[in-house]
Amino acid sequence: MSQYLSYDNSLLLNLLSHSDEQAFMTIYHRYWQKIFTIAHNRLQDSQEAEDIVHDVFFSLWKNRHTQQIIQLENYLAVTTKYMVLARVKTKVRERQYRESTETALVVEMPVENSLHYKRILMLVKKEVEKLPEKCRIIFQYSRNEGMSVKQIAKVMHISPKTVENQLNKALRQLRTAVRTFLPLLLVILLGF
């Protein structure tokens, strides 16, 4: 691989178009940090920035036979920006969908049911606050911020299995608490 380090981008691209894995790895090592920085500056999330880096290089490898790349660095930067933009748009759509669904639930309910709904939400929030600190934080990362088990494990420096166990513990406690106001929930859902 050491000889590849001296190759310019046009030679590396030519080798890449012939499925040369060493050329691909040289390009990866040469540019991954720049791509990561571009993605991280826009997303402010290391895990998502790493995902973008992998997506960009996956795309480069997948399209190695068909792409006509003149300026490799520009191509990688533009591809990164488009992938970041697509990721941001997806997150915005997901957030808007969640918000519209929550709003629709409240809007469609009569005023009395809306008050019951708010009361149930308040009771659930109180139950979440009663969870042990680590369990509560993991639950909030998962449910409020939409983080995956893998992301939570990385942020909290714990194993994914620990995250899963803590989430299961939180859900068990919340299920037990919800049973106490299940009749109220049925009244709301059935419209009595």
N, C-alpha and C. Protein backbone atom coordinates (compact mmCIF):
# COMPACT_ATOMS: atom_id res chain seq x y z
N MET A 1 0.82 -1.20 0.00
CA MET A 1 0.00 0.00 0.00
C MET A 1 0.86 1.26 0.00
N SER A 2 2.09 1.16 0.51
CA SER A 2 2.93 2.35 0.61
C SER A 2 3.18 3.01 -0.74
N GLN A 3 3.29 2.22 -1.81
CA GLN A 3 3.50 2.82 -3.13
C GLN A 3 2.26 3.60 -3.57
N TYR A 4 1.08 3.18 -3.13
CA TYR A 4 -0.16 3.85 -3.50
C TYR A 4 -0.23 5.26 -2.90
N LEU A 5 0.42 5.46 -1.78
CA LEU A 5 0.38 6.77 -1.13
C LEU A 5 0.96 7.86 -2.02
N SER A 6 1.86 7.50 -2.89
CA SER A 6 2.48 8.49 -3.78
C SER A 6 1.65 8.74 -5.05
N TYR A 7 0.63 7.93 -5.28
CA TYR A 7 -0.18 8.08 -6.49
C TYR A 7 -1.08 9.29 -6.38
N ASP A 8 -1.26 9.99 -7.50
CA ASP A 8 -2.19 11.11 -7.50
C ASP A 8 -3.62 10.59 -7.66
N ASN A 9 -4.59 11.48 -7.47
CA ASN A 9 -6.00 11.07 -7.48
C ASN A 9 -6.44 10.49 -8.81
N SER A 10 -5.95 11.03 -9.91
CA SER A 10 -6.40 10.51 -11.21
C SER A 10 -5.95 9.06 -11.41
N LEU A 11 -4.74 8.74 -10.98
CA LEU A 11 -4.27 7.35 -11.08
C LEU A 11 -5.07 6.45 -10.14
N LEU A 12 -5.33 6.94 -8.93
CA LEU A 12 -6.12 6.15 -7.98
C LEU A 12 -7.52 5.90 -8.52
N LEU A 13 -8.13 6.92 -9.14
CA LEU A 13 -9.47 6.74 -9.72
C LEU A 13 -9.46 5.73 -10.86
N ASN A 14 -8.41 5.79 -11.66
CA ASN A 14 -8.29 4.82 -12.75
C ASN A 14 -8.18 3.40 -12.19
N LEU A 15 -7.35 3.22 -11.18
CA LEU A 15 -7.21 1.91 -10.54
C LEU A 15 -8.52 1.48 -9.88
N LEU A 16 -9.19 2.43 -9.26
CA LEU A 16 -10.47 2.15 -8.61
C LEU A 16 -11.51 1.66 -9.62
N SER A 17 -11.52 2.26 -10.80
CA SER A 17 -12.48 1.85 -11.82
C SER A 17 -12.26 0.41 -12.28
N HIS A 18 -11.07 -0.12 -11.96
CA HIS A 18 -10.76 -1.53 -12.26
C HIS A 18 -10.83 -2.38 -10.98
N SER A 19 -11.57 -1.88 -10.00
CA SER A 19 -11.82 -2.60 -8.73
C SER A 19 -10.57 -2.86 -7.90
N ASP A 20 -9.63 -1.94 -7.96
CA ASP A 20 -8.41 -2.08 -7.16
C ASP A 20 -8.72 -1.66 -5.71
N GLU A 21 -8.72 -2.62 -4.81
CA GLU A 21 -9.07 -2.36 -3.42
C GLU A 21 -8.03 -1.49 -2.72
N GLN A 22 -6.77 -1.66 -3.07
CA GLN A 22 -5.71 -0.83 -2.47
C GLN A 22 -5.90 0.64 -2.84
N ALA A 23 -6.31 0.89 -4.06
CA ALA A 23 -6.58 2.27 -4.48
C ALA A 23 -7.74 2.84 -3.67
N PHE A 24 -8.77 2.02 -3.49
CA PHE A 24 -9.93 2.45 -2.70
C PHE A 24 -9.50 2.78 -1.27
N MET A 25 -8.71 1.90 -0.65
CA MET A 25 -8.27 2.13 0.73
C MET A 25 -7.39 3.38 0.83
N THR A 26 -6.59 3.63 -0.18
CA THR A 26 -5.75 4.83 -0.18
C THR A 26 -6.62 6.08 -0.23
N ILE A 27 -7.63 6.06 -1.09
CA ILE A 27 -8.57 7.19 -1.17
C ILE A 27 -9.28 7.36 0.17
N TYR A 28 -9.72 6.24 0.74
CA TYR A 28 -10.41 6.29 2.03
C TYR A 28 -9.52 6.95 3.08
N HIS A 29 -8.30 6.48 3.23
CA HIS A 29 -7.40 7.02 4.25
C HIS A 29 -7.03 8.48 3.97
N ARG A 30 -7.01 8.85 2.72
CA ARG A 30 -6.65 10.21 2.34
C ARG A 30 -7.79 11.20 2.65
N TYR A 31 -9.03 10.76 2.56
CA TYR A 31 -10.15 11.71 2.62
C TYR A 31 -11.19 11.48 3.72
N TRP A 32 -11.12 10.39 4.47
CA TRP A 32 -12.20 10.12 5.43
C TRP A 32 -12.32 11.24 6.46
N GLN A 33 -11.19 11.78 6.92
CA GLN A 33 -11.24 12.82 7.95
C GLN A 33 -11.91 14.09 7.42
N LYS A 34 -11.64 14.46 6.18
CA LYS A 34 -12.26 15.65 5.60
C LYS A 34 -13.77 15.46 5.48
N ILE A 35 -14.17 14.27 5.04
CA ILE A 35 -15.60 13.98 4.89
C ILE A 35 -16.27 14.00 6.26
N PHE A 36 -15.62 13.39 7.24
CA PHE A 36 -16.16 13.37 8.60
C PHE A 36 -16.35 14.80 9.11
N THR A 37 -15.36 15.65 8.89
CA THR A 37 -15.43 17.04 9.37
C THR A 37 -16.58 17.79 8.71
N ILE A 38 -16.74 17.64 7.40
CA ILE A 38 -17.85 18.30 6.70
C ILE A 38 -19.18 17.84 7.29
N ALA A 39 -19.34 16.54 7.44
CA ALA A 39 -20.60 15.99 7.95
C ALA A 39 -20.83 16.40 9.40
N HIS A 40 -19.80 16.33 10.21
CA HIS A 40 -19.95 16.66 11.63
C HIS A 40 -20.27 18.13 11.83
N ASN A 41 -19.65 19.01 11.04
CA ASN A 41 -19.93 20.44 11.16
C ASN A 41 -21.39 20.75 10.88
N ARG A 42 -22.01 20.00 10.01
CA ARG A 42 -23.41 20.25 9.66
C ARG A 42 -24.38 19.50 10.58
N LEU A 43 -24.03 18.30 10.99
CA LEU A 43 -24.95 17.47 11.77
C LEU A 43 -24.75 17.59 13.28
N GLN A 44 -23.54 17.97 13.70
CA GLN A 44 -23.20 18.06 15.12
C GLN A 44 -23.44 16.74 15.85
N ASP A 45 -23.17 15.64 15.16
CA ASP A 45 -23.39 14.31 15.73
C ASP A 45 -22.33 13.38 15.16
N SER A 46 -21.44 12.90 16.02
CA SER A 46 -20.32 12.06 15.56
C SER A 46 -20.79 10.76 14.92
N GLN A 47 -21.78 10.12 15.52
CA GLN A 47 -22.26 8.85 14.97
C GLN A 47 -22.86 9.04 13.58
N GLU A 48 -23.66 10.09 13.42
CA GLU A 48 -24.25 10.34 12.10
C GLU A 48 -23.18 10.74 11.09
N ALA A 49 -22.18 11.49 11.54
CA ALA A 49 -21.09 11.87 10.64
C ALA A 49 -20.33 10.63 10.17
N GLU A 50 -20.10 9.69 11.09
CA GLU A 50 -19.45 8.43 10.71
C GLU A 50 -20.30 7.67 9.70
N ASP A 51 -21.61 7.66 9.92
CA ASP A 51 -22.51 6.99 8.97
C ASP A 51 -22.41 7.61 7.59
N ILE A 52 -22.32 8.94 7.54
CA ILE A 52 -22.20 9.64 6.26
C ILE A 52 -20.89 9.25 5.57
N VAL A 53 -19.79 9.19 6.34
CA VAL A 53 -18.50 8.78 5.77
C VAL A 53 -18.63 7.41 5.11
N HIS A 54 -19.25 6.48 5.83
CA HIS A 54 -19.42 5.13 5.27
C HIS A 54 -20.31 5.15 4.03
N ASP A 55 -21.37 5.95 4.07
CA ASP A 55 -22.28 6.03 2.92
C ASP A 55 -21.57 6.61 1.69
N VAL A 56 -20.76 7.64 1.91
CA VAL A 56 -20.04 8.28 0.79
C VAL A 56 -19.08 7.27 0.14
N PHE A 57 -18.32 6.57 0.97
CA PHE A 57 -17.36 5.62 0.41
C PHE A 57 -18.05 4.38 -0.17
N PHE A 58 -19.16 3.99 0.42
CA PHE A 58 -19.92 2.89 -0.16
C PHE A 58 -20.40 3.27 -1.56
N SER A 59 -20.90 4.50 -1.69
CA SER A 59 -21.37 5.00 -2.98
C SER A 59 -20.22 5.06 -4.00
N LEU A 60 -19.07 5.53 -3.54
CA LEU A 60 -17.90 5.60 -4.42
C LEU A 60 -17.54 4.20 -4.94
N TRP A 61 -17.51 3.22 -4.05
CA TRP A 61 -17.16 1.85 -4.46
C TRP A 61 -18.23 1.25 -5.36
N LYS A 62 -19.48 1.44 -4.97
CA LYS A 62 -20.59 0.86 -5.73
C LYS A 62 -20.63 1.40 -7.17
N ASN A 63 -20.29 2.68 -7.33
CA ASN A 63 -20.37 3.32 -8.65
C ASN A 63 -19.00 3.45 -9.33
N ARG A 64 -18.04 2.67 -8.89
CA ARG A 64 -16.67 2.82 -9.39
C ARG A 64 -16.54 2.57 -10.90
N HIS A 65 -17.42 1.77 -11.45
CA HIS A 65 -17.33 1.46 -12.88
C HIS A 65 -18.06 2.49 -13.74
N THR A 66 -19.01 3.19 -13.16
CA THR A 66 -19.85 4.08 -13.97
C THR A 66 -19.57 5.56 -13.76
N GLN A 67 -18.98 5.94 -12.64
CA GLN A 67 -18.74 7.36 -12.36
C GLN A 67 -17.58 7.90 -13.20
N GLN A 68 -17.77 9.09 -13.71
CA GLN A 68 -16.70 9.80 -14.41
C GLN A 68 -16.28 10.96 -13.51
N ILE A 69 -15.37 10.72 -12.60
CA ILE A 69 -14.95 11.72 -11.62
C ILE A 69 -13.69 12.41 -12.13
N ILE A 70 -13.77 13.75 -12.17
CA ILE A 70 -12.61 14.53 -12.63
C ILE A 70 -11.80 14.99 -11.41
N GLN A 71 -12.48 15.65 -10.47
CA GLN A 71 -11.85 16.16 -9.25
C GLN A 71 -12.36 15.35 -8.06
N LEU A 72 -11.57 14.43 -7.59
CA LEU A 72 -12.00 13.51 -6.53
C LEU A 72 -12.42 14.25 -5.26
N GLU A 73 -11.60 15.18 -4.82
CA GLU A 73 -11.90 15.89 -3.56
C GLU A 73 -13.22 16.64 -3.67
N ASN A 74 -13.46 17.31 -4.80
CA ASN A 74 -14.72 18.03 -5.00
C ASN A 74 -15.90 17.06 -5.04
N TYR A 75 -15.71 15.95 -5.75
CA TYR A 75 -16.76 14.94 -5.84
C TYR A 75 -17.15 14.44 -4.44
N LEU A 76 -16.15 14.12 -3.62
CA LEU A 76 -16.43 13.61 -2.28
C LEU A 76 -17.11 14.67 -1.41
N ALA A 77 -16.67 15.93 -1.53
CA ALA A 77 -17.28 17.00 -0.74
C ALA A 77 -18.74 17.22 -1.14
N VAL A 78 -19.01 17.25 -2.43
CA VAL A 78 -20.38 17.46 -2.91
C VAL A 78 -21.27 16.28 -2.53
N THR A 79 -20.76 15.07 -2.70
CA THR A 79 -21.52 13.88 -2.32
C THR A 79 -21.85 13.92 -0.83
N THR A 80 -20.88 14.31 -0.02
CA THR A 80 -21.09 14.41 1.42
C THR A 80 -22.18 15.43 1.73
N LYS A 81 -22.12 16.59 1.09
CA LYS A 81 -23.12 17.63 1.36
C LYS A 81 -24.52 17.17 0.97
N TYR A 82 -24.64 16.48 -0.15
CA TYR A 82 -25.95 15.97 -0.56
C TYR A 82 -26.47 14.91 0.41
N MET A 83 -25.58 14.05 0.87
CA MET A 83 -26.01 13.02 1.82
C MET A 83 -26.40 13.62 3.17
N VAL A 84 -25.67 14.65 3.59
CA VAL A 84 -26.03 15.35 4.83
C VAL A 84 -27.39 16.01 4.67
N LEU A 85 -27.59 16.68 3.54
CA LEU A 85 -28.87 17.34 3.28
C LEU A 85 -30.01 16.33 3.28
N ALA A 86 -29.80 15.20 2.65
CA ALA A 86 -30.84 14.16 2.63
C ALA A 86 -31.13 13.67 4.05
N ARG A 87 -30.09 13.50 4.85
CA ARG A 87 -30.26 13.05 6.24
C ARG A 87 -31.05 14.08 7.04
N VAL A 88 -30.71 15.36 6.87
CA VAL A 88 -31.42 16.42 7.60
C VAL A 88 -32.89 16.46 7.18
N LYS A 89 -33.15 16.37 5.87
CA LYS A 89 -34.53 16.38 5.39
C LYS A 89 -35.32 15.22 5.97
N THR A 90 -34.70 14.05 6.02
CA THR A 90 -35.38 12.88 6.58
C THR A 90 -35.71 13.10 8.05
N LYS A 91 -34.76 13.65 8.79
CA LYS A 91 -35.00 13.91 10.22
C LYS A 91 -36.12 14.93 10.41
N VAL A 92 -36.15 15.96 9.56
CA VAL A 92 -37.20 16.98 9.65
C VAL A 92 -38.56 16.36 9.36
N ARG A 93 -38.63 15.54 8.31
CA ARG A 93 -39.90 14.87 7.98
C ARG A 93 -40.36 13.97 9.12
N GLU A 94 -39.42 13.22 9.71
CA GLU A 94 -39.79 12.34 10.81
C GLU A 94 -40.31 13.14 12.00
N ARG A 95 -39.63 14.25 12.31
CA ARG A 95 -40.06 15.09 13.43
C ARG A 95 -41.44 15.69 13.15
N GLN A 96 -41.64 16.19 11.92
CA GLN A 96 -42.93 16.76 11.56
C GLN A 96 -44.04 15.72 11.64
N TYR A 97 -43.73 14.50 11.21
CA TYR A 97 -44.72 13.43 11.27
C TYR A 97 -45.09 13.13 12.72
N ARG A 98 -44.08 13.01 13.59
CA ARG A 98 -44.35 12.75 15.01
C ARG A 98 -45.19 13.86 15.60
N GLU A 99 -44.82 15.12 15.31
CA GLU A 99 -45.56 16.25 15.86
C GLU A 99 -46.98 16.29 15.33
N SER A 100 -47.16 16.03 14.03
CA SER A 100 -48.51 16.08 13.46
C SER A 100 -49.37 14.95 14.01
N THR A 101 -48.76 13.80 14.26
CA THR A 101 -49.51 12.68 14.83
C THR A 101 -49.95 13.01 16.24
N GLU A 102 -49.05 13.59 17.03
CA GLU A 102 -49.41 13.97 18.40
C GLU A 102 -50.49 15.03 18.38
N THR A 103 -50.36 16.01 17.49
CA THR A 103 -51.36 17.08 17.39
C THR A 103 -52.69 16.51 16.95
N ALA A 104 -52.67 15.61 15.98
CA ALA A 104 -53.91 15.01 15.48
C ALA A 104 -54.63 14.26 16.59
N LEU A 105 -53.88 13.56 17.43
CA LEU A 105 -54.50 12.84 18.53
C LEU A 105 -55.23 13.79 19.47
N VAL A 106 -54.58 14.90 19.77
CA VAL A 106 -55.18 15.86 20.70
C VAL A 106 -56.34 16.59 20.04
N VAL A 107 -56.20 16.99 18.77
CA VAL A 107 -57.24 17.74 18.07
C VAL A 107 -58.50 16.91 17.89
N GLU A 108 -58.36 15.62 17.58
CA GLU A 108 -59.51 14.79 17.32
C GLU A 108 -60.29 14.43 18.58
N MET A 109 -59.69 14.61 19.74
CA MET A 109 -60.36 14.26 20.98
C MET A 109 -61.26 15.40 21.43
N PRO A 110 -62.42 15.07 22.00
CA PRO A 110 -63.21 16.11 22.64
C PRO A 110 -62.39 16.72 23.78
N VAL A 111 -62.81 17.90 24.23
CA VAL A 111 -62.06 18.63 25.25
C VAL A 111 -61.84 17.77 26.49
N GLU A 112 -62.88 17.07 26.92
CA GLU A 112 -62.76 16.25 28.12
C GLU A 112 -61.71 15.16 27.93
N ASN A 113 -61.73 14.50 26.78
CA ASN A 113 -60.75 13.46 26.51
C ASN A 113 -59.35 14.04 26.37
N SER A 114 -59.25 15.24 25.81
CA SER A 114 -57.96 15.90 25.69
C SER A 114 -57.37 16.15 27.08
N LEU A 115 -58.22 16.52 28.01
CA LEU A 115 -57.76 16.74 29.39
C LEU A 115 -57.29 15.43 30.01
N HIS A 116 -58.03 14.35 29.75
CA HIS A 116 -57.62 13.04 30.25
C HIS A 116 -56.29 12.62 29.63
N TYR A 117 -56.16 12.88 28.34
CA TYR A 117 -54.93 12.55 27.63
C TYR A 117 -53.74 13.28 28.27
N LYS A 118 -53.94 14.56 28.54
CA LYS A 118 -52.87 15.35 29.17
C LYS A 118 -52.55 14.81 30.56
N ARG A 119 -53.59 14.38 31.26
CA ARG A 119 -53.38 13.83 32.60
C ARG A 119 -52.57 12.54 32.52
N ILE A 120 -52.89 11.70 31.55
CA ILE A 120 -52.15 10.45 31.39
C ILE A 120 -50.69 10.75 31.04
N LEU A 121 -50.48 11.70 30.14
CA LEU A 121 -49.10 12.08 29.80
C LEU A 121 -48.34 12.56 31.03
N MET A 122 -49.02 13.36 31.85
CA MET A 122 -48.40 13.87 33.07
C MET A 122 -48.05 12.71 34.02
N LEU A 123 -48.96 11.74 34.15
CA LEU A 123 -48.70 10.59 35.00
C LEU A 123 -47.53 9.76 34.48
N VAL A 124 -47.47 9.59 33.17
CA VAL A 124 -46.35 8.84 32.58
C VAL A 124 -45.04 9.58 32.83
N LYS A 125 -45.04 10.90 32.66
CA LYS A 125 -43.83 11.68 32.91
C LYS A 125 -43.38 11.54 34.35
N LYS A 126 -44.34 11.55 35.29
CA LYS A 126 -43.99 11.37 36.70
C LYS A 126 -43.37 10.00 36.94
N GLU A 127 -43.92 8.99 36.28
CA GLU A 127 -43.37 7.64 36.43
C GLU A 127 -41.96 7.56 35.85
N VAL A 128 -41.74 8.24 34.74
CA VAL A 128 -40.40 8.26 34.14
C VAL A 128 -39.42 8.91 35.11
N GLU A 129 -39.85 9.98 35.79
CA GLU A 129 -38.97 10.66 36.74
C GLU A 129 -38.62 9.76 37.93
N LYS A 130 -39.47 8.78 38.23
CA LYS A 130 -39.22 7.87 39.36
C LYS A 130 -38.20 6.78 39.01
N LEU A 131 -37.91 6.62 37.73
CA LEU A 131 -36.95 5.59 37.32
C LEU A 131 -35.57 5.90 37.88
N PRO A 132 -34.74 4.88 38.12
CA PRO A 132 -33.35 5.14 38.52
C PRO A 132 -32.67 6.01 37.45
N GLU A 133 -31.73 6.82 37.88
CA GLU A 133 -31.15 7.83 36.99
C GLU A 133 -30.66 7.27 35.65
N LYS A 134 -29.84 6.23 35.70
CA LYS A 134 -29.28 5.67 34.46
C LYS A 134 -30.41 5.16 33.56
N CYS A 135 -31.36 4.49 34.15
CA CYS A 135 -32.50 3.93 33.42
C CYS A 135 -33.32 5.06 32.79
N ARG A 136 -33.54 6.13 33.55
CA ARG A 136 -34.33 7.27 33.08
C ARG A 136 -33.63 7.96 31.91
N ILE A 137 -32.33 8.17 32.03
CA ILE A 137 -31.57 8.85 30.97
C ILE A 137 -31.63 8.03 29.68
N ILE A 138 -31.42 6.72 29.81
CA ILE A 138 -31.46 5.84 28.63
C ILE A 138 -32.84 5.87 28.00
N PHE A 139 -33.88 5.82 28.83
CA PHE A 139 -35.26 5.85 28.32
C PHE A 139 -35.52 7.17 27.58
N GLN A 140 -35.07 8.28 28.15
CA GLN A 140 -35.30 9.58 27.52
C GLN A 140 -34.52 9.71 26.21
N TYR A 141 -33.29 9.21 26.18
CA TYR A 141 -32.54 9.20 24.92
C TYR A 141 -33.31 8.42 23.86
N SER A 142 -33.84 7.28 24.25
CA SER A 142 -34.54 6.42 23.31
C SER A 142 -35.86 7.02 22.85
N ARG A 143 -36.69 7.43 23.78
CA ARG A 143 -38.05 7.86 23.43
C ARG A 143 -38.15 9.33 23.05
N ASN A 144 -37.45 10.20 23.76
CA ASN A 144 -37.58 11.64 23.49
C ASN A 144 -36.68 12.10 22.36
N GLU A 145 -35.50 11.50 22.25
CA GLU A 145 -34.56 11.96 21.24
C GLU A 145 -34.43 11.00 20.07
N GLY A 146 -35.12 9.87 20.16
CA GLY A 146 -35.14 8.92 19.05
C GLY A 146 -33.81 8.25 18.76
N MET A 147 -32.95 8.16 19.77
CA MET A 147 -31.64 7.55 19.56
C MET A 147 -31.76 6.02 19.54
N SER A 148 -30.91 5.40 18.76
CA SER A 148 -30.88 3.93 18.69
C SER A 148 -30.11 3.38 19.89
N VAL A 149 -30.24 2.09 20.11
CA VAL A 149 -29.51 1.42 21.19
C VAL A 149 -28.01 1.64 21.01
N LYS A 150 -27.55 1.50 19.79
CA LYS A 150 -26.13 1.66 19.48
C LYS A 150 -25.65 3.09 19.80
N GLN A 151 -26.46 4.08 19.41
CA GLN A 151 -26.09 5.48 19.68
C GLN A 151 -26.04 5.75 21.18
N ILE A 152 -27.03 5.26 21.91
CA ILE A 152 -27.07 5.47 23.36
C ILE A 152 -25.85 4.81 24.01
N ALA A 153 -25.54 3.60 23.59
CA ALA A 153 -24.38 2.88 24.15
C ALA A 153 -23.10 3.68 23.94
N LYS A 154 -22.96 4.26 22.77
CA LYS A 154 -21.76 5.03 22.47
C LYS A 154 -21.69 6.30 23.31
N VAL A 155 -22.81 7.01 23.42
CA VAL A 155 -22.84 8.26 24.18
C VAL A 155 -22.57 8.01 25.66
N MET A 156 -23.13 6.92 26.19
CA MET A 156 -23.01 6.65 27.63
C MET A 156 -21.82 5.74 27.97
N HIS A 157 -21.08 5.31 26.95
CA HIS A 157 -19.91 4.45 27.16
C HIS A 157 -20.28 3.17 27.90
N ILE A 158 -21.35 2.54 27.43
CA ILE A 158 -21.79 1.26 27.98
C ILE A 158 -22.10 0.32 26.81
N SER A 159 -22.31 -0.94 27.12
CA SER A 159 -22.58 -1.90 26.05
C SER A 159 -24.02 -1.77 25.56
N PRO A 160 -24.27 -2.12 24.31
CA PRO A 160 -25.65 -2.12 23.80
C PRO A 160 -26.57 -3.03 24.61
N LYS A 161 -26.03 -4.13 25.12
CA LYS A 161 -26.84 -5.06 25.93
C LYS A 161 -27.31 -4.37 27.21
N THR A 162 -26.44 -3.56 27.83
CA THR A 162 -26.83 -2.82 29.03
C THR A 162 -27.94 -1.84 28.69
N VAL A 163 -27.84 -1.18 27.55
CA VAL A 163 -28.89 -0.25 27.12
C VAL A 163 -30.21 -1.00 26.97
N GLU A 164 -30.17 -2.14 26.30
CA GLU A 164 -31.40 -2.93 26.11
C GLU A 164 -32.00 -3.35 27.45
N ASN A 165 -31.14 -3.80 28.37
CA ASN A 165 -31.63 -4.21 29.69
C ASN A 165 -32.28 -3.05 30.43
N GLN A 166 -31.65 -1.88 30.37
CA GLN A 166 -32.19 -0.71 31.06
C GLN A 166 -33.52 -0.27 30.43
N LEU A 167 -33.61 -0.33 29.09
CA LEU A 167 -34.87 0.02 28.42
C LEU A 167 -35.97 -0.95 28.81
N ASN A 168 -35.64 -2.24 28.86
CA ASN A 168 -36.64 -3.23 29.28
C ASN A 168 -37.09 -2.99 30.71
N LYS A 169 -36.15 -2.64 31.57
CA LYS A 169 -36.48 -2.35 32.97
C LYS A 169 -37.42 -1.14 33.04
N ALA A 170 -37.11 -0.10 32.29
CA ALA A 170 -37.95 1.10 32.28
C ALA A 170 -39.35 0.78 31.78
N LEU A 171 -39.44 0.02 30.70
CA LEU A 171 -40.75 -0.32 30.13
C LEU A 171 -41.56 -1.19 31.08
N ARG A 172 -40.88 -2.11 31.78
CA ARG A 172 -41.60 -2.94 32.77
C ARG A 172 -42.21 -2.07 33.86
N GLN A 173 -41.40 -1.13 34.38
CA GLN A 173 -41.89 -0.26 35.44
C GLN A 173 -43.03 0.63 34.93
N LEU A 174 -42.91 1.13 33.72
CA LEU A 174 -43.96 1.99 33.18
C LEU A 174 -45.24 1.19 32.91
N ARG A 175 -45.10 -0.05 32.42
CA ARG A 175 -46.28 -0.89 32.21
C ARG A 175 -47.03 -1.12 33.52
N THR A 176 -46.28 -1.38 34.57
CA THR A 176 -46.89 -1.60 35.88
C THR A 176 -47.63 -0.34 36.32
N ALA A 177 -47.02 0.81 36.12
CA ALA A 177 -47.65 2.07 36.52
C ALA A 177 -48.87 2.36 35.67
N VAL A 178 -48.81 2.07 34.38
CA VAL A 178 -49.92 2.36 33.47
C VAL A 178 -51.14 1.51 33.83
N ARG A 179 -50.90 0.32 34.35
CA ARG A 179 -52.03 -0.54 34.73
C ARG A 179 -52.94 0.15 35.74
N THR A 180 -52.37 1.03 36.56
CA THR A 180 -53.20 1.70 37.57
C THR A 180 -54.16 2.70 36.95
N PHE A 181 -53.82 3.27 35.80
CA PHE A 181 -54.77 4.19 35.17
C PHE A 181 -55.25 3.68 33.82
N LEU A 182 -55.23 2.36 33.65
CA LEU A 182 -55.75 1.73 32.45
C LEU A 182 -57.24 1.99 32.23
N PRO A 183 -58.07 1.95 33.28
CA PRO A 183 -59.49 2.25 33.06
C PRO A 183 -59.71 3.64 32.46
N LEU A 184 -58.93 4.62 32.90
CA LEU A 184 -59.04 5.97 32.36
C LEU A 184 -58.65 5.98 30.88
N LEU A 185 -57.63 5.24 30.54
CA LEU A 185 -57.19 5.16 29.15
C LEU A 185 -58.28 4.52 28.28
N LEU A 186 -58.91 3.49 28.78
CA LEU A 186 -60.00 2.84 28.03
C LEU A 186 -61.16 3.80 27.81
N VAL A 187 -61.49 4.59 28.81
CA VAL A 187 -62.57 5.57 28.68
C VAL A 187 -62.25 6.54 27.55
N ILE A 188 -61.00 6.99 27.49
CA ILE A 188 -60.60 7.93 26.45
C ILE A 188 -60.66 7.28 25.07
N LEU A 189 -60.09 6.10 24.96
CA LEU A 189 -60.02 5.44 23.66
C LEU A 189 -61.39 5.00 23.15
N LEU A 190 -62.27 4.58 24.05
CA LEU A 190 -63.58 4.11 23.63
C LEU A 190 -64.61 5.24 23.57
N GLY A 191 -64.24 6.41 24.07
CA GLY A 191 -65.11 7.58 23.96
C GLY A 191 -66.32 7.57 24.87
N PHE A 192 -66.23 6.92 26.02
CA PHE A 192 -67.36 6.91 26.95
C PHE A 192 -67.50 8.24 27.64
